[in-house]
Amino acid sequence: MNNHSIHSADRSTHLKIVVVALIAGIAVMSLGIFSRGGGDVQTARVMKAGQPTAFTSSNTSAVR
């Protein structure tokens, strides 16, 4: 018997769907964890802001 709707599916069909979804979720999660590369921990560099600079293409002053 073919179940064309999830509403008319029996208990074993629901169990199969849950198991396949669980295996797919574990596969995606493990692929994401193992594809990070090595054990290098990357840290963000802090950049301090300097003096504001205005760049213009003409000799007129910039309007702020």
N, C-alpha and C. Protein backbone atom coordinates (compact mmCIF):
# COMPACT_ATOMS: atom_id res chain seq x y z
N MET A 1 0.84 -1.18 0.00
CA MET A 1 0.00 0.00 0.00
C MET A 1 0.89 1.24 0.00
N ASN A 2 0.57 2.16 -0.86
CA ASN A 2 1.32 3.41 -0.93
C ASN A 2 0.62 4.48 -0.10
N ASN A 3 1.41 5.14 0.75
CA ASN A 3 0.88 6.24 1.55
C ASN A 3 1.26 7.55 0.87
N HIS A 4 0.28 8.20 0.28
CA HIS A 4 0.55 9.44 -0.44
C HIS A 4 0.45 10.65 0.48
N SER A 5 0.04 10.48 1.69
CA SER A 5 -0.10 11.58 2.62
C SER A 5 0.49 11.16 3.96
N ILE A 6 1.07 12.11 4.66
CA ILE A 6 1.63 11.81 5.98
C ILE A 6 0.50 11.55 6.98
N HIS A 7 -0.68 12.08 6.71
CA HIS A 7 -1.81 11.88 7.63
C HIS A 7 -2.33 10.45 7.59
N SER A 8 -2.23 9.81 6.43
CA SER A 8 -2.74 8.45 6.32
C SER A 8 -1.66 7.39 6.55
N ALA A 9 -0.44 7.83 6.86
CA ALA A 9 0.67 6.89 7.06
C ALA A 9 0.53 6.17 8.40
N ASP A 10 1.03 4.95 8.44
CA ASP A 10 0.96 4.19 9.68
C ASP A 10 2.17 4.51 10.56
N ARG A 11 2.23 3.83 11.70
CA ARG A 11 3.26 4.12 12.69
C ARG A 11 4.67 3.82 12.19
N SER A 12 4.84 2.74 11.45
CA SER A 12 6.17 2.39 10.96
C SER A 12 6.68 3.40 9.94
N THR A 13 5.79 3.96 9.14
CA THR A 13 6.19 4.97 8.18
C THR A 13 6.66 6.24 8.89
N HIS A 14 5.94 6.63 9.93
CA HIS A 14 6.36 7.79 10.72
C HIS A 14 7.72 7.53 11.36
N LEU A 15 7.93 6.35 11.85
CA LEU A 15 9.21 6.00 12.47
C LEU A 15 10.35 6.04 11.45
N LYS A 16 10.11 5.55 10.25
CA LYS A 16 11.12 5.61 9.19
C LYS A 16 11.48 7.05 8.85
N ILE A 17 10.49 7.92 8.78
CA ILE A 17 10.74 9.33 8.46
C ILE A 17 11.56 9.97 9.56
N VAL A 18 11.26 9.69 10.82
CA VAL A 18 12.01 10.26 11.93
C VAL A 18 13.45 9.76 11.93
N VAL A 19 13.65 8.49 11.66
CA VAL A 19 15.00 7.92 11.65
C VAL A 19 15.83 8.51 10.50
N VAL A 20 15.25 8.63 9.33
CA VAL A 20 15.97 9.20 8.18
C VAL A 20 16.32 10.67 8.45
N ALA A 21 15.40 11.41 9.04
CA ALA A 21 15.66 12.82 9.36
C ALA A 21 16.75 12.93 10.42
N LEU A 22 16.76 12.04 11.39
CA LEU A 22 17.78 12.06 12.44
C LEU A 22 19.16 11.75 11.85
N ILE A 23 19.23 10.75 10.99
CA ILE A 23 20.51 10.39 10.36
C ILE A 23 21.00 11.53 9.47
N ALA A 24 20.11 12.16 8.73
CA ALA A 24 20.50 13.28 7.87
C ALA A 24 20.98 14.46 8.71
N GLY A 25 20.32 14.73 9.82
CA GLY A 25 20.74 15.81 10.70
C GLY A 25 22.10 15.56 11.30
N ILE A 26 22.36 14.34 11.72
CA ILE A 26 23.67 13.98 12.28
C ILE A 26 24.74 14.09 11.21
N ALA A 27 24.43 13.68 9.98
CA ALA A 27 25.40 13.76 8.89
C ALA A 27 25.76 15.21 8.57
N VAL A 28 24.77 16.09 8.52
CA VAL A 28 25.03 17.50 8.24
C VAL A 28 25.82 18.14 9.37
N MET A 29 25.47 17.80 10.60
CA MET A 29 26.18 18.36 11.75
C MET A 29 27.63 17.89 11.79
N SER A 30 27.86 16.61 11.55
CA SER A 30 29.24 16.10 11.58
C SER A 30 30.05 16.66 10.41
N LEU A 31 29.43 16.85 9.26
CA LEU A 31 30.12 17.45 8.13
C LEU A 31 30.54 18.88 8.46
N GLY A 32 29.68 19.62 9.13
CA GLY A 32 30.01 20.98 9.53
C GLY A 32 31.11 21.04 10.56
N ILE A 33 31.12 20.10 11.49
CA ILE A 33 32.14 20.09 12.54
C ILE A 33 33.50 19.70 11.96
N PHE A 34 33.54 18.68 11.13
CA PHE A 34 34.80 18.18 10.60
C PHE A 34 35.35 19.00 9.45
N SER A 35 34.54 19.85 8.83
CA SER A 35 35.03 20.67 7.73
C SER A 35 35.63 21.98 8.19
N ARG A 36 35.71 22.20 9.48
CA ARG A 36 36.27 23.44 10.00
C ARG A 36 37.76 23.52 9.79
N GLY A 37 38.40 22.47 9.45
CA GLY A 37 39.84 22.48 9.22
C GLY A 37 40.56 21.84 10.39
N GLY A 38 41.63 22.49 10.83
CA GLY A 38 42.43 21.94 11.91
C GLY A 38 42.01 22.49 13.26
N GLY A 39 42.93 22.42 14.18
CA GLY A 39 42.67 22.91 15.51
C GLY A 39 43.04 24.36 15.69
N ASP A 40 43.25 25.06 14.57
CA ASP A 40 43.61 26.48 14.66
C ASP A 40 42.41 27.28 15.14
N VAL A 41 42.62 28.00 16.20
CA VAL A 41 41.56 28.84 16.71
C VAL A 41 41.76 30.24 16.15
N GLN A 42 40.76 30.73 15.47
CA GLN A 42 40.85 32.05 14.88
C GLN A 42 40.25 33.07 15.82
N THR A 43 40.97 34.13 16.04
CA THR A 43 40.48 35.20 16.88
C THR A 43 40.35 36.47 16.05
N ALA A 44 39.44 37.30 16.43
CA ALA A 44 39.23 38.54 15.72
C ALA A 44 40.21 39.59 16.23
N ARG A 45 40.76 40.37 15.31
CA ARG A 45 41.65 41.46 15.69
C ARG A 45 40.83 42.70 16.00
N VAL A 46 41.26 43.42 17.00
CA VAL A 46 40.58 44.65 17.36
C VAL A 46 41.30 45.80 16.66
N MET A 47 40.55 46.57 15.92
CA MET A 47 41.13 47.72 15.24
C MET A 47 40.58 48.99 15.88
N LYS A 48 41.48 49.88 16.27
CA LYS A 48 41.05 51.13 16.87
C LYS A 48 40.87 52.18 15.78
N ALA A 49 39.86 52.97 15.94
CA ALA A 49 39.56 54.01 14.96
C ALA A 49 40.53 55.17 15.13
N GLY A 50 41.00 55.71 14.01
CA GLY A 50 41.90 56.85 14.03
C GLY A 50 41.12 58.13 13.81
N GLN A 51 41.79 59.14 13.32
CA GLN A 51 41.14 60.40 13.03
C GLN A 51 40.28 60.26 11.78
N PRO A 52 39.13 60.96 11.74
CA PRO A 52 38.30 60.88 10.53
C PRO A 52 39.00 61.54 9.35
N THR A 53 38.85 60.95 8.21
CA THR A 53 39.50 61.43 6.99
C THR A 53 38.45 61.62 5.92
N ALA A 54 38.52 62.76 5.20
CA ALA A 54 37.58 63.02 4.11
C ALA A 54 38.36 62.98 2.80
N PHE A 55 37.86 62.26 1.83
CA PHE A 55 38.46 62.16 0.52
C PHE A 55 37.55 62.84 -0.48
N THR A 56 38.07 63.79 -1.22
CA THR A 56 37.28 64.48 -2.24
C THR A 56 38.02 64.41 -3.55
N SER A 57 37.30 64.59 -4.63
CA SER A 57 37.92 64.57 -5.95
C SER A 57 38.18 65.97 -6.48
N SER A 58 37.78 67.00 -5.76
CA SER A 58 38.01 68.37 -6.20
C SER A 58 38.69 69.14 -5.07
N ASN A 59 38.96 70.39 -5.29
CA ASN A 59 39.63 71.21 -4.29
C ASN A 59 38.67 71.83 -3.28
N THR A 60 37.39 71.60 -3.43
CA THR A 60 36.41 72.16 -2.49
C THR A 60 36.41 71.35 -1.23
N SER A 61 36.00 71.96 -0.14
CA SER A 61 35.99 71.26 1.14
C SER A 61 34.76 70.36 1.24
N ALA A 62 34.89 69.33 2.02
CA ALA A 62 33.79 68.38 2.19
C ALA A 62 32.76 68.95 3.16
N VAL A 63 31.51 68.78 2.86
CA VAL A 63 30.43 69.26 3.70
C VAL A 63 30.03 68.14 4.64
N ARG A 64 30.03 68.41 5.93
CA ARG A 64 29.67 67.39 6.90
C ARG A 64 28.41 67.73 7.61
